[in-house]
């Protein structure tokens, strides 16, 4: 993922070995994260959704504006 000033990122590893990346997009436009590999699940939290599932297609996650995206990598 290319560094973007509008993105605030935090990551950690769970005891089961999975990794979680929390990405807050404070900007006005969506940002794409390309090259995500492995078994991936992504969820969005914003004014309309609370951990709503979002698609990960071709290793790409779209980070919506003014939203928190949770990406789980197994």
PDB file of N, CA and C in Angstrom:
ATOM      1  N   UNK A   1       0.856  -1.167   0.000  1.00  0.00           N
ATOM      2  CA  UNK A   1       0.000   0.000   0.000  1.00  0.00           C
ATOM      3  C   UNK A   1       0.900   1.228   0.000  1.00  0.00           C
ATOM      4  N   UNK A   2       0.627   2.165  -0.867  1.00  0.00           N
ATOM      5  CA  UNK A   2       1.376   3.415  -0.955  1.00  0.00           C
ATOM      6  C   UNK A   2       0.941   4.327   0.179  1.00  0.00           C
ATOM      7  N   UNK A   3       1.887   5.018   0.804  1.00  0.00           N
ATOM      8  CA  UNK A   3       1.562   5.935   1.894  1.00  0.00           C
ATOM      9  C   UNK A   3       0.674   7.065   1.386  1.00  0.00           C
ATOM     10  N   UNK A   4      -0.397   7.307   2.090  1.00  0.00           N
ATOM     11  CA  UNK A   4      -1.339   8.374   1.757  1.00  0.00           C
ATOM     12  C   UNK A   4      -1.597   9.155   3.041  1.00  0.00           C
ATOM     13  N   UNK A   5      -1.504  10.485   3.013  1.00  0.00           N
ATOM     14  CA  UNK A   5      -1.709  11.269   4.229  1.00  0.00           C
ATOM     15  C   UNK A   5      -3.084  11.076   4.863  1.00  0.00           C
ATOM     16  N   UNK A   6      -4.093  10.749   4.069  1.00  0.00           N
ATOM     17  CA  UNK A   6      -5.450  10.593   4.595  1.00  0.00           C
ATOM     18  C   UNK A   6      -5.659   9.263   5.305  1.00  0.00           C
ATOM     19  N   UNK A   7      -4.701   8.341   5.216  1.00  0.00           N
ATOM     20  CA  UNK A   7      -4.865   7.021   5.822  1.00  0.00           C
ATOM     21  C   UNK A   7      -4.150   6.937   7.156  1.00  0.00           C
ATOM     22  N   UNK A   8      -4.847   6.414   8.139  1.00  0.00           N
ATOM     23  CA  UNK A   8      -4.285   6.134   9.460  1.00  0.00           C
ATOM     24  C   UNK A   8      -4.347   4.622   9.616  1.00  0.00           C
ATOM     25  N   UNK A   9      -3.195   3.970   9.820  1.00  0.00           N
ATOM     26  CA  UNK A   9      -3.121   2.508   9.774  1.00  0.00           C
ATOM     27  C   UNK A   9      -2.561   1.954  11.078  1.00  0.00           C
ATOM     28  N   UNK A  10      -3.161   0.849  11.523  1.00  0.00           N
ATOM     29  CA  UNK A  10      -2.683   0.103  12.673  1.00  0.00           C
ATOM     30  C   UNK A  10      -2.831  -1.382  12.343  1.00  0.00           C
ATOM     31  N   UNK A  11      -1.886  -2.199  12.806  1.00  0.00           N
ATOM     32  CA  UNK A  11      -1.948  -3.637  12.499  1.00  0.00           C
ATOM     33  C   UNK A  11      -1.497  -4.437  13.714  1.00  0.00           C
ATOM     34  N   UNK A  12      -2.002  -5.655  13.805  1.00  0.00           N
ATOM     35  CA  UNK A  12      -1.583  -6.555  14.878  1.00  0.00           C
ATOM     36  C   UNK A  12      -1.788  -7.993  14.457  1.00  0.00           C
ATOM     37  N   UNK A  13      -1.163  -8.899  15.199  1.00  0.00           N
ATOM     38  CA  UNK A  13      -1.282 -10.336  14.947  1.00  0.00           C
ATOM     39  C   UNK A  13      -2.068 -10.961  16.096  1.00  0.00           C
ATOM     40  N   UNK A  14      -3.076 -11.759  15.747  1.00  0.00           N
ATOM     41  CA  UNK A  14      -3.870 -12.479  16.738  1.00  0.00           C
ATOM     42  C   UNK A  14      -3.114 -13.710  17.221  1.00  0.00           C
ATOM     43  N   UNK A  15      -3.544 -14.263  18.332  1.00  0.00           N
ATOM     44  CA  UNK A  15      -2.897 -15.460  18.879  1.00  0.00           C
ATOM     45  C   UNK A  15      -3.049 -16.663  17.952  1.00  0.00           C
ATOM     46  N   UNK A  16      -4.063 -16.662  17.065  1.00  0.00           N
ATOM     47  CA  UNK A  16      -4.240 -17.777  16.123  1.00  0.00           C
ATOM     48  C   UNK A  16      -3.369 -17.617  14.869  1.00  0.00           C
ATOM     49  N   UNK A  17      -2.547 -16.550  14.821  1.00  0.00           N
ATOM     50  CA  UNK A  17      -1.655 -16.331  13.684  1.00  0.00           C
ATOM     51  C   UNK A  17      -2.225 -15.426  12.604  1.00  0.00           C
ATOM     52  N   UNK A  18      -3.517 -15.159  12.646  1.00  0.00           N
ATOM     53  CA  UNK A  18      -4.095 -14.252  11.657  1.00  0.00           C
ATOM     54  C   UNK A  18      -3.620 -12.831  11.951  1.00  0.00           C
ATOM     55  N   UNK A  19      -3.652 -12.004  10.915  1.00  0.00           N
ATOM     56  CA  UNK A  19      -3.244 -10.604  11.062  1.00  0.00           C
ATOM     57  C   UNK A  19      -4.434  -9.710  10.759  1.00  0.00           C
ATOM     58  N   UNK A  20      -4.514  -8.606  11.466  1.00  0.00           N
ATOM     59  CA  UNK A  20      -5.600  -7.645  11.276  1.00  0.00           C
ATOM     60  C   UNK A  20      -4.988  -6.279  11.001  1.00  0.00           C
ATOM     61  N   UNK A  21      -5.488  -5.627   9.958  1.00  0.00           N
ATOM     62  CA  UNK A  21      -5.048  -4.278   9.617  1.00  0.00           C
ATOM     63  C   UNK A  21      -6.269  -3.375   9.704  1.00  0.00           C
ATOM     64  N   UNK A  22      -6.173  -2.328  10.511  1.00  0.00           N
ATOM     65  CA  UNK A  22      -7.238  -1.332  10.660  1.00  0.00           C
ATOM     66  C   UNK A  22      -6.809  -0.097   9.890  1.00  0.00           C
ATOM     67  N   UNK A  23      -7.636   0.358   8.941  1.00  0.00           N
ATOM     68  CA  UNK A  23      -7.287   1.500   8.096  1.00  0.00           C
ATOM     69  C   UNK A  23      -8.422   2.517   8.151  1.00  0.00           C
ATOM     70  N   UNK A  24      -8.111   3.693   8.652  1.00  0.00           N
ATOM     71  CA  UNK A  24      -9.075   4.782   8.697  1.00  0.00           C
ATOM     72  C   UNK A  24      -8.767   5.730   7.548  1.00  0.00           C
ATOM     73  N   UNK A  25      -9.709   5.851   6.620  1.00  0.00           N
ATOM     74  CA  UNK A  25      -9.554   6.775   5.494  1.00  0.00           C
ATOM     75  C   UNK A  25     -10.260   8.070   5.873  1.00  0.00           C
ATOM     76  N   UNK A  26      -9.482   9.090   6.235  1.00  0.00           N
ATOM     77  CA  UNK A  26     -10.053  10.371   6.636  1.00  0.00           C
ATOM     78  C   UNK A  26     -10.294  11.289   5.440  1.00  0.00           C
ATOM     79  N   UNK A  27      -9.924  10.833   4.260  1.00  0.00           N
ATOM     80  CA  UNK A  27     -10.039  11.650   3.058  1.00  0.00           C
ATOM     81  C   UNK A  27     -11.431  11.674   2.460  1.00  0.00           C
ATOM     82  N   UNK A  28     -11.532  12.421   1.364  1.00  0.00           N
ATOM     83  CA  UNK A  28     -12.806  12.605   0.664  1.00  0.00           C
ATOM     84  C   UNK A  28     -12.990  11.624  -0.493  1.00  0.00           C
ATOM     85  N   UNK A  29     -11.954  10.828  -0.809  1.00  0.00           N
ATOM     86  CA  UNK A  29     -12.020   9.925  -1.959  1.00  0.00           C
ATOM     87  C   UNK A  29     -11.634   8.513  -1.539  1.00  0.00           C
ATOM     88  N   UNK A  30     -12.166   7.501  -2.239  1.00  0.00           N
ATOM     89  CA  UNK A  30     -11.743   6.133  -1.957  1.00  0.00           C
ATOM     90  C   UNK A  30     -10.286   5.923  -2.359  1.00  0.00           C
ATOM     91  N   UNK A  31      -9.647   4.980  -1.697  1.00  0.00           N
ATOM     92  CA  UNK A  31      -8.260   4.601  -1.984  1.00  0.00           C
ATOM     93  C   UNK A  31      -8.250   3.094  -2.197  1.00  0.00           C
ATOM     94  N   UNK A  32      -7.514   2.601  -3.191  1.00  0.00           N
ATOM     95  CA  UNK A  32      -7.427   1.159  -3.400  1.00  0.00           C
ATOM     96  C   UNK A  32      -6.104   0.634  -2.849  1.00  0.00           C
ATOM     97  N   UNK A  33      -6.194  -0.512  -2.217  1.00  0.00           N
ATOM     98  CA  UNK A  33      -5.037  -1.234  -1.709  1.00  0.00           C
ATOM     99  C   UNK A  33      -4.927  -2.474  -2.575  1.00  0.00           C
ATOM    100  N   UNK A  34      -3.920  -2.510  -3.416  1.00  0.00           N
ATOM    101  CA  UNK A  34      -3.730  -3.623  -4.348  1.00  0.00           C
ATOM    102  C   UNK A  34      -2.628  -4.547  -3.847  1.00  0.00           C
ATOM    103  N   UNK A  35      -2.701  -5.801  -4.260  1.00  0.00           N
ATOM    104  CA  UNK A  35      -1.664  -6.765  -3.923  1.00  0.00           C
ATOM    105  C   UNK A  35      -1.877  -7.492  -2.614  1.00  0.00           C
ATOM    106  N   UNK A  36      -3.095  -7.461  -2.094  1.00  0.00           N
ATOM    107  CA  UNK A  36      -3.410  -8.197  -0.868  1.00  0.00           C
ATOM    108  C   UNK A  36      -3.505  -9.666  -1.237  1.00  0.00           C
ATOM    109  N   UNK A  37      -2.790 -10.524  -0.518  1.00  0.00           N
ATOM    110  CA  UNK A  37      -2.787 -11.941  -0.901  1.00  0.00           C
ATOM    111  C   UNK A  37      -3.179 -12.835   0.262  1.00  0.00           C
ATOM    112  N   UNK A  38      -3.502 -14.060  -0.072  1.00  0.00           N
ATOM    113  CA  UNK A  38      -3.904 -15.047   0.925  1.00  0.00           C
ATOM    114  C   UNK A  38      -5.405 -15.032   1.114  1.00  0.00           C
ATOM    115  N   UNK A  39      -5.841 -15.650   2.187  1.00  0.00           N
ATOM    116  CA  UNK A  39      -7.261 -15.674   2.538  1.00  0.00           C
ATOM    117  C   UNK A  39      -7.576 -14.357   3.246  1.00  0.00           C
ATOM    118  N   UNK A  40      -8.390 -13.528   2.602  1.00  0.00           N
ATOM    119  CA  UNK A  40      -8.625 -12.156   3.079  1.00  0.00           C
ATOM    120  C   UNK A  40     -10.122 -11.920   3.259  1.00  0.00           C
ATOM    121  N   UNK A  41     -10.473 -11.261   4.360  1.00  0.00           N
ATOM    122  CA  UNK A  41     -11.838 -10.784   4.586  1.00  0.00           C
ATOM    123  C   UNK A  41     -11.733  -9.304   4.940  1.00  0.00           C
ATOM    124  N   UNK A  42     -12.671  -8.508   4.444  1.00  0.00           N
ATOM    125  CA  UNK A  42     -12.639  -7.075   4.722  1.00  0.00           C
ATOM    126  C   UNK A  42     -14.018  -6.603   5.160  1.00  0.00           C
ATOM    127  N   UNK A  43     -14.013  -5.649   6.081  1.00  0.00           N
ATOM    128  CA  UNK A  43     -15.251  -5.120   6.656  1.00  0.00           C
ATOM    129  C   UNK A  43     -15.150  -3.602   6.756  1.00  0.00           C
ATOM    130  N   UNK A  44     -16.271  -2.916   6.577  1.00  0.00           N
ATOM    131  CA  UNK A  44     -16.282  -1.455   6.656  1.00  0.00           C
ATOM    132  C   UNK A  44     -17.206  -1.003   7.785  1.00  0.00           C
ATOM    133  N   UNK A  45     -16.774   0.054   8.465  1.00  0.00           N
ATOM    134  CA  UNK A  45     -17.597   0.703   9.471  1.00  0.00           C
ATOM    135  C   UNK A  45     -17.634   2.192   9.130  1.00  0.00           C
ATOM    136  N   UNK A  46     -18.844   2.696   8.919  1.00  0.00           N
ATOM    137  CA  UNK A  46     -19.043   4.114   8.638  1.00  0.00           C
ATOM    138  C   UNK A  46     -20.436   4.493   9.120  1.00  0.00           C
ATOM    139  N   UNK A  47     -20.956   5.621   8.660  1.00  0.00           N
ATOM    140  CA  UNK A  47     -22.276   6.048   9.147  1.00  0.00           C
ATOM    141  C   UNK A  47     -23.404   5.132   8.676  1.00  0.00           C
ATOM    142  N   UNK A  48     -23.157   4.317   7.636  1.00  0.00           N
ATOM    143  CA  UNK A  48     -24.188   3.429   7.107  1.00  0.00           C
ATOM    144  C   UNK A  48     -24.017   1.970   7.492  1.00  0.00           C
ATOM    145  N   UNK A  49     -22.809   1.563   7.817  1.00  0.00           N
ATOM    146  CA  UNK A  49     -22.499   0.152   8.066  1.00  0.00           C
ATOM    147  C   UNK A  49     -21.746  -0.015   9.385  1.00  0.00           C
ATOM    148  N   UNK A  50     -21.943  -1.161  10.016  1.00  0.00           N
ATOM    149  CA  UNK A  50     -21.172  -1.535  11.194  1.00  0.00           C
ATOM    150  C   UNK A  50     -20.595  -2.917  10.933  1.00  0.00           C
ATOM    151  N   UNK A  51     -19.336  -2.966  10.549  1.00  0.00           N
ATOM    152  CA  UNK A  51     -18.648  -4.193  10.169  1.00  0.00           C
ATOM    153  C   UNK A  51     -19.349  -4.895   9.011  1.00  0.00           C
ATOM    154  N   UNK A  52     -19.779  -4.118   8.033  1.00  0.00           N
ATOM    155  CA  UNK A  52     -20.385  -4.676   6.822  1.00  0.00           C
ATOM    156  C   UNK A  52     -19.314  -5.288   5.941  1.00  0.00           C
ATOM    157  N   UNK A  53     -19.553  -6.480   5.458  1.00  0.00           N
ATOM    158  CA  UNK A  53     -18.593  -7.174   4.600  1.00  0.00           C
ATOM    159  C   UNK A  53     -18.425  -6.439   3.271  1.00  0.00           C
ATOM    160  N   UNK A  54     -17.164  -6.311   2.821  1.00  0.00           N
ATOM    161  CA  UNK A  54     -16.899  -5.704   1.522  1.00  0.00           C
ATOM    162  C   UNK A  54     -16.080  -6.681   0.683  1.00  0.00           C
ATOM    163  N   UNK A  55     -16.245  -6.641  -0.636  1.00  0.00           N
ATOM    164  CA  UNK A  55     -15.547  -7.600  -1.489  1.00  0.00           C
ATOM    165  C   UNK A  55     -14.050  -7.319  -1.584  1.00  0.00           C
ATOM    166  N   UNK A  56     -13.303  -8.414  -1.712  1.00  0.00           N
ATOM    167  CA  UNK A  56     -11.870  -8.339  -2.009  1.00  0.00           C
ATOM    168  C   UNK A  56     -11.712  -9.115  -3.309  1.00  0.00           C
ATOM    169  N   UNK A  57     -11.537  -8.391  -4.400  1.00  0.00           N
ATOM    170  CA  UNK A  57     -11.469  -9.024  -5.713  1.00  0.00           C
ATOM    171  C   UNK A  57     -10.103  -8.809  -6.328  1.00  0.00           C
ATOM    172  N   UNK A  58      -9.473  -9.879  -6.762  1.00  0.00           N
ATOM    173  CA  UNK A  58      -8.167  -9.774  -7.398  1.00  0.00           C
ATOM    174  C   UNK A  58      -7.108  -9.183  -6.497  1.00  0.00           C
ATOM    175  N   UNK A  59      -7.232  -9.405  -5.194  1.00  0.00           N
ATOM    176  CA  UNK A  59      -6.248  -8.871  -4.262  1.00  0.00           C
ATOM    177  C   UNK A  59      -6.352  -7.378  -4.045  1.00  0.00           C
ATOM    178  N   UNK A  60      -7.535  -6.804  -4.311  1.00  0.00           N
ATOM    179  CA  UNK A  60      -7.732  -5.360  -4.151  1.00  0.00           C
ATOM    180  C   UNK A  60      -8.838  -5.081  -3.141  1.00  0.00           C
ATOM    181  N   UNK A  61      -8.534  -4.197  -2.199  1.00  0.00           N
ATOM    182  CA  UNK A  61      -9.513  -3.733  -1.217  1.00  0.00           C
ATOM    183  C   UNK A  61      -9.721  -2.244  -1.459  1.00  0.00           C
ATOM    184  N   UNK A  62     -10.986  -1.819  -1.544  1.00  0.00           N
ATOM    185  CA  UNK A  62     -11.294  -0.397  -1.694  1.00  0.00           C
ATOM    186  C   UNK A  62     -11.591   0.184  -0.315  1.00  0.00           C
ATOM    187  N   UNK A  63     -10.811   1.205   0.039  1.00  0.00           N
ATOM    188  CA  UNK A  63     -10.958   1.880   1.328  1.00  0.00           C
ATOM    189  C   UNK A  63     -11.854   3.094   1.111  1.00  0.00           C
ATOM    190  N   UNK A  64     -13.073   2.995   1.591  1.00  0.00           N
ATOM    191  CA  UNK A  64     -14.052   4.058   1.375  1.00  0.00           C
ATOM    192  C   UNK A  64     -13.682   5.321   2.143  1.00  0.00           C
ATOM    193  N   UNK A  65     -14.086   6.495   1.634  1.00  0.00           N
ATOM    194  CA  UNK A  65     -13.789   7.737   2.343  1.00  0.00           C
ATOM    195  C   UNK A  65     -14.574   7.832   3.651  1.00  0.00           C
ATOM    196  N   UNK A  66     -13.978   8.479   4.629  1.00  0.00           N
ATOM    197  CA  UNK A  66     -14.611   8.686   5.941  1.00  0.00           C
ATOM    198  C   UNK A  66     -15.104   7.365   6.529  1.00  0.00           C
ATOM    199  N   UNK A  67     -14.277   6.327   6.434  1.00  0.00           N
ATOM    200  CA  UNK A  67     -14.673   5.011   6.923  1.00  0.00           C
ATOM    201  C   UNK A  67     -13.479   4.274   7.509  1.00  0.00           C
ATOM    202  N   UNK A  68     -13.773   3.352   8.410  1.00  0.00           N
ATOM    203  CA  UNK A  68     -12.780   2.461   8.988  1.00  0.00           C
ATOM    204  C   UNK A  68     -12.914   1.108   8.287  1.00  0.00           C
ATOM    205  N   UNK A  69     -11.831   0.623   7.708  1.00  0.00           N
ATOM    206  CA  UNK A  69     -11.838  -0.682   7.056  1.00  0.00           C
ATOM    207  C   UNK A  69     -10.991  -1.635   7.888  1.00  0.00           C
ATOM    208  N   UNK A  70     -11.559  -2.798   8.196  1.00  0.00           N
ATOM    209  CA  UNK A  70     -10.862  -3.848   8.916  1.00  0.00           C
ATOM    210  C   UNK A  70     -10.548  -4.952   7.925  1.00  0.00           C
ATOM    211  N   UNK A  71      -9.271  -5.292   7.776  1.00  0.00           N
ATOM    212  CA  UNK A  71      -8.853  -6.344   6.866  1.00  0.00           C
ATOM    213  C   UNK A  71      -8.241  -7.470   7.702  1.00  0.00           C
ATOM    214  N   UNK A  72      -8.782  -8.682   7.532  1.00  0.00           N
ATOM    215  CA  UNK A  72      -8.290  -9.860   8.254  1.00  0.00           C
ATOM    216  C   UNK A  72      -7.573 -10.754   7.252  1.00  0.00           C
ATOM    217  N   UNK A  73      -6.315 -11.051   7.534  1.00  0.00           N
ATOM    218  CA  UNK A  73      -5.479 -11.889   6.668  1.00  0.00           C
ATOM    219  C   UNK A  73      -5.171 -13.187   7.397  1.00  0.00           C
ATOM    220  N   UNK A  74      -5.483 -14.309   6.758  1.00  0.00           N
ATOM    221  CA  UNK A  74      -5.225 -15.622   7.397  1.00  0.00           C
ATOM    222  C   UNK A  74      -4.155 -16.343   6.633  1.00  0.00           C
TER     223      UNK A  74
END
